[in-house]
Amino acid sequence: ELGDVIDRAIESGTDKEEYDKFCDRQLAELLSGTRA
């Protein structure tokens, strides 16, 4: 599921900085057990 989201982000041309922030946010949500 998360892989699909990341794949779409890459395909949509998301730049590296935005991608890194996205990953950090996803990781924080996973670790805290919350859902976006």
PDB file of N, CA and C in Angstrom:
ATOM      1  N   GLU A   1       0.833  -1.203   0.000  1.00  0.00           N
ATOM      2  CA  GLU A   1       0.000   0.000   0.000  1.00  0.00           C
ATOM      3  C   GLU A   1       0.868   1.254   0.000  1.00  0.00           C
ATOM      4  N   LEU A   2       1.785   1.340   0.931  1.00  0.00           N
ATOM      5  CA  LEU A   2       2.679   2.491   1.000  1.00  0.00           C
ATOM      6  C   LEU A   2       3.542   2.560  -0.250  1.00  0.00           C
ATOM      7  N   GLY A   3       3.959   1.402  -0.756  1.00  0.00           N
ATOM      8  CA  GLY A   3       4.761   1.353  -1.975  1.00  0.00           C
ATOM      9  C   GLY A   3       4.020   1.966  -3.154  1.00  0.00           C
ATOM     10  N   ASP A   4       2.713   1.714  -3.234  1.00  0.00           N
ATOM     11  CA  ASP A   4       1.912   2.278  -4.313  1.00  0.00           C
ATOM     12  C   ASP A   4       1.880   3.799  -4.218  1.00  0.00           C
ATOM     13  N   VAL A   5       1.748   4.309  -3.012  1.00  0.00           N
ATOM     14  CA  VAL A   5       1.727   5.758  -2.799  1.00  0.00           C
ATOM     15  C   VAL A   5       3.053   6.378  -3.235  1.00  0.00           C
ATOM     16  N   ILE A   6       4.150   5.744  -2.839  1.00  0.00           N
ATOM     17  CA  ILE A   6       5.472   6.246  -3.197  1.00  0.00           C
ATOM     18  C   ILE A   6       5.673   6.192  -4.705  1.00  0.00           C
ATOM     19  N   ASP A   7       5.252   5.089  -5.332  1.00  0.00           N
ATOM     20  CA  ASP A   7       5.376   4.967  -6.782  1.00  0.00           C
ATOM     21  C   ASP A   7       4.623   6.087  -7.486  1.00  0.00           C
ATOM     22  N   ARG A   8       3.426   6.396  -7.018  1.00  0.00           N
ATOM     23  CA  ARG A   8       2.646   7.471  -7.635  1.00  0.00           C
ATOM     24  C   ARG A   8       3.334   8.814  -7.436  1.00  0.00           C
ATOM     25  N   ALA A   9       3.914   9.032  -6.280  1.00  0.00           N
ATOM     26  CA  ALA A   9       4.606  10.284  -6.007  1.00  0.00           C
ATOM     27  C   ALA A   9       5.783  10.459  -6.962  1.00  0.00           C
ATOM     28  N   ILE A  10       6.528   9.383  -7.191  1.00  0.00           N
ATOM     29  CA  ILE A  10       7.667   9.426  -8.098  1.00  0.00           C
ATOM     30  C   ILE A  10       7.189   9.673  -9.528  1.00  0.00           C
ATOM     31  N   GLU A  11       6.159   8.956  -9.947  1.00  0.00           N
ATOM     32  CA  GLU A  11       5.644   9.078 -11.307  1.00  0.00           C
ATOM     33  C   GLU A  11       5.087  10.467 -11.575  1.00  0.00           C
ATOM     34  N   SER A  12       4.577  11.131 -10.549  1.00  0.00           N
ATOM     35  CA  SER A  12       3.994  12.455 -10.726  1.00  0.00           C
ATOM     36  C   SER A  12       5.066  13.539 -10.780  1.00  0.00           C
ATOM     37  N   GLY A  13       6.325  13.146 -10.623  1.00  0.00           N
ATOM     38  CA  GLY A  13       7.423  14.101 -10.767  1.00  0.00           C
ATOM     39  C   GLY A  13       7.741  14.845  -9.481  1.00  0.00           C
ATOM     40  N   THR A  14       7.390  14.277  -8.346  1.00  0.00           N
ATOM     41  CA  THR A  14       7.701  14.903  -7.067  1.00  0.00           C
ATOM     42  C   THR A  14       9.216  15.075  -6.932  1.00  0.00           C
ATOM     43  N   ASP A  15       9.641  16.271  -6.536  1.00  0.00           N
ATOM     44  CA  ASP A  15      11.077  16.505  -6.397  1.00  0.00           C
ATOM     45  C   ASP A  15      11.613  15.837  -5.138  1.00  0.00           C
ATOM     46  N   LYS A  16      12.943  15.721  -5.073  1.00  0.00           N
ATOM     47  CA  LYS A  16      13.595  14.970  -3.998  1.00  0.00           C
ATOM     48  C   LYS A  16      13.251  15.521  -2.616  1.00  0.00           C
ATOM     49  N   GLU A  17      13.245  16.832  -2.485  1.00  0.00           N
ATOM     50  CA  GLU A  17      12.975  17.432  -1.169  1.00  0.00           C
ATOM     51  C   GLU A  17      11.564  17.102  -0.696  1.00  0.00           C
ATOM     52  N   GLU A  18      10.597  17.253  -1.590  1.00  0.00           N
ATOM     53  CA  GLU A  18       9.218  16.927  -1.242  1.00  0.00           C
ATOM     54  C   GLU A  18       9.083  15.445  -0.926  1.00  0.00           C
ATOM     55  N   TYR A  19       9.782  14.616  -1.702  1.00  0.00           N
ATOM     56  CA  TYR A  19       9.734  13.164  -1.491  1.00  0.00           C
ATOM     57  C   TYR A  19      10.282  12.804  -0.118  1.00  0.00           C
ATOM     58  N   ASP A  20      11.401  13.439   0.254  1.00  0.00           N
ATOM     59  CA  ASP A  20      11.999  13.172   1.567  1.00  0.00           C
ATOM     60  C   ASP A  20      11.048  13.582   2.690  1.00  0.00           C
ATOM     61  N   LYS A  21      10.400  14.749   2.536  1.00  0.00           N
ATOM     62  CA  LYS A  21       9.466  15.197   3.564  1.00  0.00           C
ATOM     63  C   LYS A  21       8.282  14.249   3.657  1.00  0.00           C
ATOM     64  N   PHE A  22       7.816  13.782   2.492  1.00  0.00           N
ATOM     65  CA  PHE A  22       6.708  12.836   2.448  1.00  0.00           C
ATOM     66  C   PHE A  22       7.071  11.552   3.177  1.00  0.00           C
ATOM     67  N   CYS A  23       8.260  11.038   2.911  1.00  0.00           N
ATOM     68  CA  CYS A  23       8.706   9.798   3.552  1.00  0.00           C
ATOM     69  C   CYS A  23       8.829   9.984   5.062  1.00  0.00           C
ATOM     70  N   ASP A  24       9.396  11.112   5.475  1.00  0.00           N
ATOM     71  CA  ASP A  24       9.541  11.389   6.906  1.00  0.00           C
ATOM     72  C   ASP A  24       8.170  11.417   7.586  1.00  0.00           C
ATOM     73  N   ARG A  25       7.201  12.042   6.926  1.00  0.00           N
ATOM     74  CA  ARG A  25       5.860  12.150   7.484  1.00  0.00           C
ATOM     75  C   ARG A  25       5.209  10.767   7.569  1.00  0.00           C
ATOM     76  N   GLN A  26       5.348   9.974   6.513  1.00  0.00           N
ATOM     77  CA  GLN A  26       4.783   8.626   6.512  1.00  0.00           C
ATOM     78  C   GLN A  26       5.397   7.780   7.619  1.00  0.00           C
ATOM     79  N   LEU A  27       6.718   7.873   7.767  1.00  0.00           N
ATOM     80  CA  LEU A  27       7.408   7.094   8.790  1.00  0.00           C
ATOM     81  C   LEU A  27       6.939   7.508  10.180  1.00  0.00           C
ATOM     82  N   ALA A  28       6.807   8.810  10.413  1.00  0.00           N
ATOM     83  CA  ALA A  28       6.357   9.297  11.711  1.00  0.00           C
ATOM     84  C   ALA A  28       4.956   8.780  12.020  1.00  0.00           C
ATOM     85  N   GLU A  29       4.081   8.758  10.998  1.00  0.00           N
ATOM     86  CA  GLU A  29       2.720   8.277  11.201  1.00  0.00           C
ATOM     87  C   GLU A  29       2.715   6.788  11.522  1.00  0.00           C
ATOM     88  N   LEU A  30       3.555   6.029  10.813  1.00  0.00           N
ATOM     89  CA  LEU A  30       3.632   4.590  11.070  1.00  0.00           C
ATOM     90  C   LEU A  30       4.124   4.324  12.491  1.00  0.00           C
ATOM     91  N   LEU A  31       5.153   5.059  12.913  1.00  0.00           N
ATOM     92  CA  LEU A  31       5.735   4.847  14.231  1.00  0.00           C
ATOM     93  C   LEU A  31       4.773   5.244  15.348  1.00  0.00           C
ATOM     94  N   SER A  32       3.968   6.271  15.098  1.00  0.00           N
ATOM     95  CA  SER A  32       3.039   6.731  16.129  1.00  0.00           C
ATOM     96  C   SER A  32       1.721   5.964  16.077  1.00  0.00           C
ATOM     97  N   GLY A  33       1.546   5.155  15.041  1.00  0.00           N
ATOM     98  CA  GLY A  33       0.351   4.333  14.940  1.00  0.00           C
ATOM     99  C   GLY A  33      -0.880   5.097  14.489  1.00  0.00           C
ATOM    100  N   THR A  34      -0.673   6.258  13.856  1.00  0.00           N
ATOM    101  CA  THR A  34      -1.802   7.041  13.373  1.00  0.00           C
ATOM    102  C   THR A  34      -1.942   6.882  11.865  1.00  0.00           C
ATOM    103  N   ARG A  35      -3.103   7.243  11.367  1.00  0.00           N
ATOM    104  CA  ARG A  35      -3.359   7.192   9.926  1.00  0.00           C
ATOM    105  C   ARG A  35      -3.622   8.600   9.406  1.00  0.00           C
ATOM    106  N   ALA A  36      -3.068   8.906   8.246  1.00  0.00           N
ATOM    107  CA  ALA A  36      -3.282  10.224   7.646  1.00  0.00           C
ATOM    108  C   ALA A  36      -4.722  10.323   7.133  1.00  0.00           C
TER     109      ALA A  36
END
